[in-house]
Amino acid sequence: MQLNELLKRYKSGKVSEEELLRHLRLDHLETLEGRFAYDLARDARAGFPEAILALRKAPDDIARILTTVLQKKDRVFVTRLDPEKMERVSALAKKEGLSEKEYDLAYHESSGLLVAKRKKAKARNLGCCVGIVAGGTSDIPVAEEAQIVCEESGLRTIMACDVGVAGLHRLFLPLKKMIDEDADVLIVVAGMEGALPSVVKGLVDVPVIGVPTSVGYGYMAGQSALISMLNSCVPGLVVTNIDNGFGAAAAAFIICSRISKRRRKR
């Protein structure tokens, strides 16, 4: 049972205080044979749900985590999932009980992102907009990871691709569109020397999240882009780790959640 549903039942008298406390003590983790402990309450406590990182996980374990967690959660993200492993996960998940009638496994191959959710899951709408800028075409998979996670989390997105600093004139029109549509946060994805987030932050008055990528001729698979962004002379730029589109989307969601909350209070 999700935390908000549990609290509603307690408020209406359908759940006793003793049962409420038991759930709060025990139901915040979903464990399986000592191999994983999924944090069911992370979104309520920290603002964004836990994801399943597929790297070095066996398809059997991923499928079992999905089927176990989806008994209590409406939606689960699986990141860094390669196509070959996805085929195995999908087949195993169906055997474990994730029927196509009740569940949807939406796999995005270019970004390696799987969104597993109940078909009856309610769509969210925070009333906020995130602009996503990809410096080059090779940066698109990381940008798409951020875009999909944002949209699945209830944020509207505007994407602009191949607008890096090598042809800076390409940036102005899509950036103007994002400003005109009152984007609340911008995510800027770039490899090579990683200069694009600094340029963008120098032109806008909203939070900018820079995402360095392991793309191009940069030093040590993205380290030069990371160091460049961290050394930005533009105040207000925040930076994720290399290729972390998911983390950028999570940060954008938390910022937008606070904005949405303030707007509702007005």
Protein backbone atom coordinates (compact mmCIF):
# COMPACT_ATOMS: atom_id res chain seq x y z
CA MET A 1 0.00 0.00 0.00
CA GLN A 2 1.37 3.42 -0.93
CA LEU A 3 1.99 5.88 1.88
CA ASN A 4 -0.57 8.47 0.76
CA GLU A 5 -3.26 5.77 0.47
CA LEU A 6 -2.34 4.45 3.92
CA LEU A 7 -2.67 7.92 5.47
CA LYS A 8 -6.05 8.46 3.78
CA ARG A 9 -7.32 5.18 5.24
CA TYR A 10 -6.02 6.11 8.67
CA LYS A 11 -7.71 9.50 8.47
CA SER A 12 -11.03 7.90 7.48
CA GLY A 13 -10.80 5.37 10.31
CA LYS A 14 -10.29 2.33 8.07
CA VAL A 15 -6.79 1.74 9.47
CA SER A 16 -5.97 1.77 13.17
CA GLU A 17 -3.07 3.68 14.68
CA GLU A 18 -1.40 0.38 15.54
CA GLU A 19 -1.66 -0.85 11.95
CA LEU A 20 -0.43 2.51 10.65
CA LEU A 21 2.68 2.33 12.83
CA ARG A 22 3.30 -1.27 11.76
CA HIS A 23 3.20 -0.28 8.10
CA LEU A 24 5.51 2.70 8.68
CA ARG A 25 8.01 0.47 10.47
CA LEU A 26 7.94 -2.48 8.09
CA ASP A 27 6.57 -1.49 4.71
CA HIS A 28 9.16 1.13 3.80
CA LEU A 29 11.41 -1.62 2.43
CA GLU A 30 10.63 -4.47 0.08
CA THR A 31 13.23 -7.22 0.53
CA LEU A 32 13.87 -10.41 -1.38
CA GLU A 33 16.07 -13.24 -0.10
CA GLY A 34 18.65 -10.82 1.23
CA ARG A 35 19.60 -9.82 -2.33
CA PHE A 36 17.91 -6.43 -2.48
CA ALA A 37 16.00 -3.97 -0.32
CA TYR A 38 13.93 -1.56 -2.42
CA ASP A 39 13.12 1.70 -0.64
CA LEU A 40 9.35 2.06 -1.12
CA ALA A 41 9.14 5.29 0.84
CA ARG A 42 11.99 7.16 -0.78
CA ASP A 43 9.70 9.34 -2.90
CA ALA A 44 7.66 10.35 0.16
CA ARG A 45 10.77 10.95 2.25
CA ALA A 46 13.30 12.32 -0.25
CA GLY A 47 11.12 13.58 -3.10
CA PHE A 48 11.90 11.04 -5.82
CA PRO A 49 11.53 7.24 -6.06
CA GLU A 50 14.40 4.78 -6.09
CA ALA A 51 15.40 3.42 -9.49
CA ILE A 52 16.83 0.03 -10.37
CA LEU A 53 20.31 0.24 -11.89
CA ALA A 54 20.59 -2.69 -14.29
CA LEU A 55 24.38 -2.67 -14.57
CA ARG A 56 25.84 -5.93 -13.20
CA LYS A 57 22.40 -7.18 -12.18
CA ALA A 58 21.21 -10.52 -13.57
CA PRO A 59 18.00 -10.38 -15.65
CA ASP A 60 16.39 -12.81 -13.18
CA ASP A 61 17.03 -10.40 -10.31
CA ILE A 62 15.76 -7.39 -12.25
CA ALA A 63 12.55 -9.22 -13.20
CA ARG A 64 11.94 -10.37 -9.63
CA ILE A 65 12.54 -6.87 -8.25
CA LEU A 66 10.07 -5.43 -10.76
CA THR A 67 7.33 -7.95 -10.02
CA THR A 68 7.79 -7.59 -6.28
CA VAL A 69 7.91 -3.79 -6.17
CA LEU A 70 5.03 -3.27 -8.62
CA GLN A 71 2.72 -5.00 -6.16
CA LYS A 72 3.01 -1.83 -4.07
CA LYS A 73 4.16 0.90 -6.47
CA ASP A 74 2.56 2.15 -9.66
CA ARG A 75 5.78 2.86 -11.54
CA VAL A 76 9.44 1.75 -11.49
CA PHE A 77 12.41 3.03 -13.51
CA VAL A 78 15.18 0.66 -14.62
CA THR A 79 18.29 2.44 -15.91
CA ARG A 80 21.28 1.29 -17.97
CA LEU A 81 19.46 -1.74 -19.35
CA ASP A 82 20.91 -3.10 -22.61
CA PRO A 83 18.61 -4.59 -25.31
CA GLU A 84 19.77 -8.18 -24.87
CA LYS A 85 19.13 -8.09 -21.14
CA MET A 86 15.79 -6.34 -21.73
CA GLU A 87 14.51 -9.29 -23.79
CA ARG A 88 15.30 -11.65 -20.95
CA VAL A 89 13.81 -9.34 -18.31
CA SER A 90 10.57 -8.97 -20.29
CA ALA A 91 10.16 -12.74 -20.71
CA LEU A 92 10.91 -13.43 -17.05
CA ALA A 93 8.62 -10.63 -15.83
CA LYS A 94 5.70 -12.13 -17.74
CA LYS A 95 6.37 -15.50 -16.12
CA GLU A 96 6.49 -13.80 -12.72
CA GLY A 97 3.02 -12.33 -13.26
CA LEU A 98 3.41 -8.98 -15.01
CA SER A 99 0.65 -9.53 -17.54
CA GLU A 100 0.33 -7.27 -20.59
CA LYS A 101 -3.28 -6.56 -19.60
CA GLU A 102 -2.28 -4.96 -16.31
CA TYR A 103 1.29 -3.74 -16.79
CA ASP A 104 3.22 -1.82 -19.39
CA LEU A 105 6.95 -2.31 -19.96
CA ALA A 106 8.05 0.65 -22.07
CA TYR A 107 11.67 0.20 -23.15
CA HIS A 108 13.67 3.03 -24.70
CA GLU A 109 16.64 1.41 -26.37
CA SER A 110 18.73 4.49 -27.18
CA SER A 111 18.84 5.58 -23.53
CA GLY A 112 18.67 2.06 -22.04
CA LEU A 113 15.72 3.11 -19.88
CA LEU A 114 12.80 0.87 -18.94
CA VAL A 115 9.63 2.37 -17.48
CA ALA A 116 7.55 -0.39 -15.88
CA LYS A 117 4.14 0.66 -14.63
CA ARG A 118 0.57 -0.35 -14.00
CA LYS A 119 -1.69 0.54 -16.91
CA LYS A 120 -4.11 2.05 -14.39
CA ALA A 121 -1.41 4.32 -12.94
CA LYS A 122 -2.63 7.89 -12.73
CA ALA A 123 -0.86 10.39 -14.98
CA ARG A 124 0.76 13.23 -13.05
CA ASN A 125 0.83 16.89 -14.02
CA LEU A 126 2.83 19.31 -11.93
CA GLY A 127 2.12 22.21 -14.26
CA CYS A 128 5.84 22.81 -14.76
CA CYS A 129 8.06 22.79 -17.83
CA VAL A 130 11.64 21.55 -18.25
CA GLY A 131 13.76 22.60 -21.21
CA ILE A 132 16.30 19.97 -22.30
CA VAL A 133 19.24 20.97 -24.48
CA ALA A 134 21.58 18.44 -26.13
CA GLY A 135 24.83 19.84 -27.46
CA GLY A 136 25.29 17.26 -30.21
CA THR A 137 23.41 14.34 -31.74
CA SER A 138 25.66 11.95 -29.82
CA ASP A 139 24.40 13.49 -26.56
CA ILE A 140 20.76 12.65 -27.35
CA PRO A 141 20.61 9.27 -25.50
CA VAL A 142 21.48 10.98 -22.19
CA ALA A 143 19.10 13.85 -22.96
CA GLU A 144 16.34 11.36 -23.81
CA GLU A 145 16.83 9.60 -20.49
CA ALA A 146 16.25 12.92 -18.75
CA GLN A 147 13.27 13.74 -20.96
CA ILE A 148 11.48 10.41 -20.45
CA VAL A 149 11.96 10.46 -16.67
CA CYS A 150 10.71 14.06 -16.50
CA GLU A 151 7.61 13.31 -18.56
CA GLU A 152 6.82 10.13 -16.64
CA SER A 153 7.07 12.20 -13.47
CA GLY A 154 4.49 14.76 -14.61
CA LEU A 155 6.66 17.45 -16.19
CA ARG A 156 6.19 18.92 -19.63
CA THR A 157 9.42 19.06 -21.65
CA ILE A 158 10.82 20.98 -24.59
CA MET A 159 13.80 19.36 -26.32
CA ALA A 160 16.44 21.02 -28.49
CA CYS A 161 19.18 18.90 -30.09
CA ASP A 162 22.47 19.59 -31.88
CA VAL A 163 22.81 23.18 -30.68
CA GLY A 164 26.33 23.02 -29.24
CA VAL A 165 28.91 25.76 -29.01
CA ALA A 166 30.59 24.80 -32.30
CA GLY A 167 27.64 26.49 -34.00
CA LEU A 168 26.36 28.76 -31.28
CA HIS A 169 23.85 30.54 -33.53
CA ARG A 170 21.79 27.31 -33.52
CA LEU A 171 21.10 27.70 -29.80
CA PHE A 172 19.28 31.04 -29.79
CA LEU A 173 15.95 30.12 -31.40
CA PRO A 174 15.23 27.00 -29.29
CA LEU A 175 16.42 28.77 -26.15
CA LYS A 176 14.09 31.67 -26.92
CA LYS A 177 11.22 29.19 -27.23
CA MET A 178 12.03 27.73 -23.80
CA ILE A 179 12.12 31.20 -22.26
CA ASP A 180 8.89 32.22 -24.01
CA GLU A 181 7.15 29.09 -22.71
CA ASP A 182 8.39 29.91 -19.21
CA ALA A 183 10.48 26.78 -18.61
CA ASP A 184 11.08 26.37 -14.87
CA VAL A 185 14.34 24.41 -15.15
CA LEU A 186 16.81 23.72 -17.96
CA ILE A 187 18.86 20.53 -18.33
CA VAL A 188 21.87 21.01 -20.60
CA VAL A 189 23.68 17.91 -21.85
CA ALA A 190 27.11 18.23 -23.48
CA GLY A 191 30.34 16.32 -24.09
CA MET A 192 33.75 17.38 -25.45
CA GLU A 193 34.83 20.49 -23.49
CA GLY A 194 31.41 20.82 -21.83
CA ALA A 195 31.04 24.58 -22.38
CA LEU A 196 27.35 24.64 -23.32
CA PRO A 197 25.79 24.68 -19.80
CA SER A 198 27.88 27.73 -18.86
CA VAL A 199 26.76 29.55 -22.01
CA VAL A 200 23.10 28.74 -21.34
CA LYS A 201 23.24 29.70 -17.65
CA GLY A 202 24.72 33.06 -18.64
CA LEU A 203 21.57 33.75 -20.67
CA VAL A 204 18.69 32.63 -18.43
CA ASP A 205 17.40 33.32 -14.93
CA VAL A 206 16.18 29.79 -14.10
CA PRO A 207 18.04 26.84 -12.56
CA VAL A 208 20.34 25.09 -15.04
CA ILE A 209 21.51 21.51 -14.52
CA GLY A 210 24.57 20.56 -16.53
CA VAL A 211 25.10 16.93 -17.56
CA PRO A 212 28.56 16.04 -18.91
CA THR A 213 28.66 13.13 -21.34
CA SER A 214 31.34 10.62 -22.30
CA VAL A 215 31.12 11.76 -25.92
CA GLY A 216 33.70 13.12 -28.36
CA TYR A 217 37.44 13.62 -28.18
CA GLY A 218 37.39 14.91 -24.61
CA TYR A 219 39.85 13.73 -21.99
CA MET A 220 39.11 10.40 -20.28
CA ALA A 221 35.52 9.70 -21.40
CA GLY A 222 33.78 12.80 -20.17
CA GLN A 223 36.11 13.92 -17.40
CA SER A 224 37.09 17.07 -19.27
CA ALA A 225 33.43 18.01 -19.72
CA LEU A 226 32.77 17.33 -16.03
CA ILE A 227 35.74 19.40 -14.85
CA SER A 228 34.84 22.23 -17.23
CA MET A 229 31.27 22.39 -15.90
CA LEU A 230 32.44 22.24 -12.29
CA ASN A 231 34.87 25.08 -12.99
CA SER A 232 32.20 27.26 -14.62
CA CYS A 233 32.53 30.97 -13.89
CA VAL A 234 28.75 31.38 -14.21
CA PRO A 235 27.05 31.32 -10.79
CA GLY A 236 23.99 29.13 -10.39
CA LEU A 237 25.04 26.22 -12.60
CA VAL A 238 24.71 22.83 -10.90
CA VAL A 239 26.25 19.67 -12.35
CA THR A 240 25.52 15.93 -12.26
CA ASN A 241 28.02 13.14 -12.78
CA ILE A 242 28.95 11.92 -16.27
CA ASP A 243 26.03 10.62 -18.39
CA ASN A 244 23.59 10.98 -15.48
CA GLY A 245 20.44 12.06 -17.29
CA PHE A 246 18.34 10.25 -14.71
CA GLY A 247 19.89 12.25 -11.86
CA ALA A 248 19.31 15.51 -13.73
CA ALA A 249 15.65 14.62 -14.21
CA ALA A 250 15.29 13.75 -10.53
CA ALA A 251 16.79 17.11 -9.53
CA ALA A 252 14.54 18.96 -12.00
CA PHE A 253 11.50 17.14 -10.60
CA ILE A 254 12.33 18.08 -7.00
CA ILE A 255 12.80 21.74 -7.98
CA CYS A 256 9.54 21.71 -9.94
CA SER A 257 7.69 20.00 -7.09
CA ARG A 258 8.56 22.91 -4.81
CA ILE A 259 7.54 25.42 -7.49
CA SER A 260 4.25 23.59 -8.06
CA LYS A 261 3.55 23.50 -4.33
CA ARG A 262 4.05 27.27 -4.02
CA ARG A 263 1.83 27.93 -7.04
CA ARG A 264 -0.98 25.85 -5.58
CA LYS A 265 -0.79 27.78 -2.29
CA ARG A 266 -1.25 31.05 -4.16
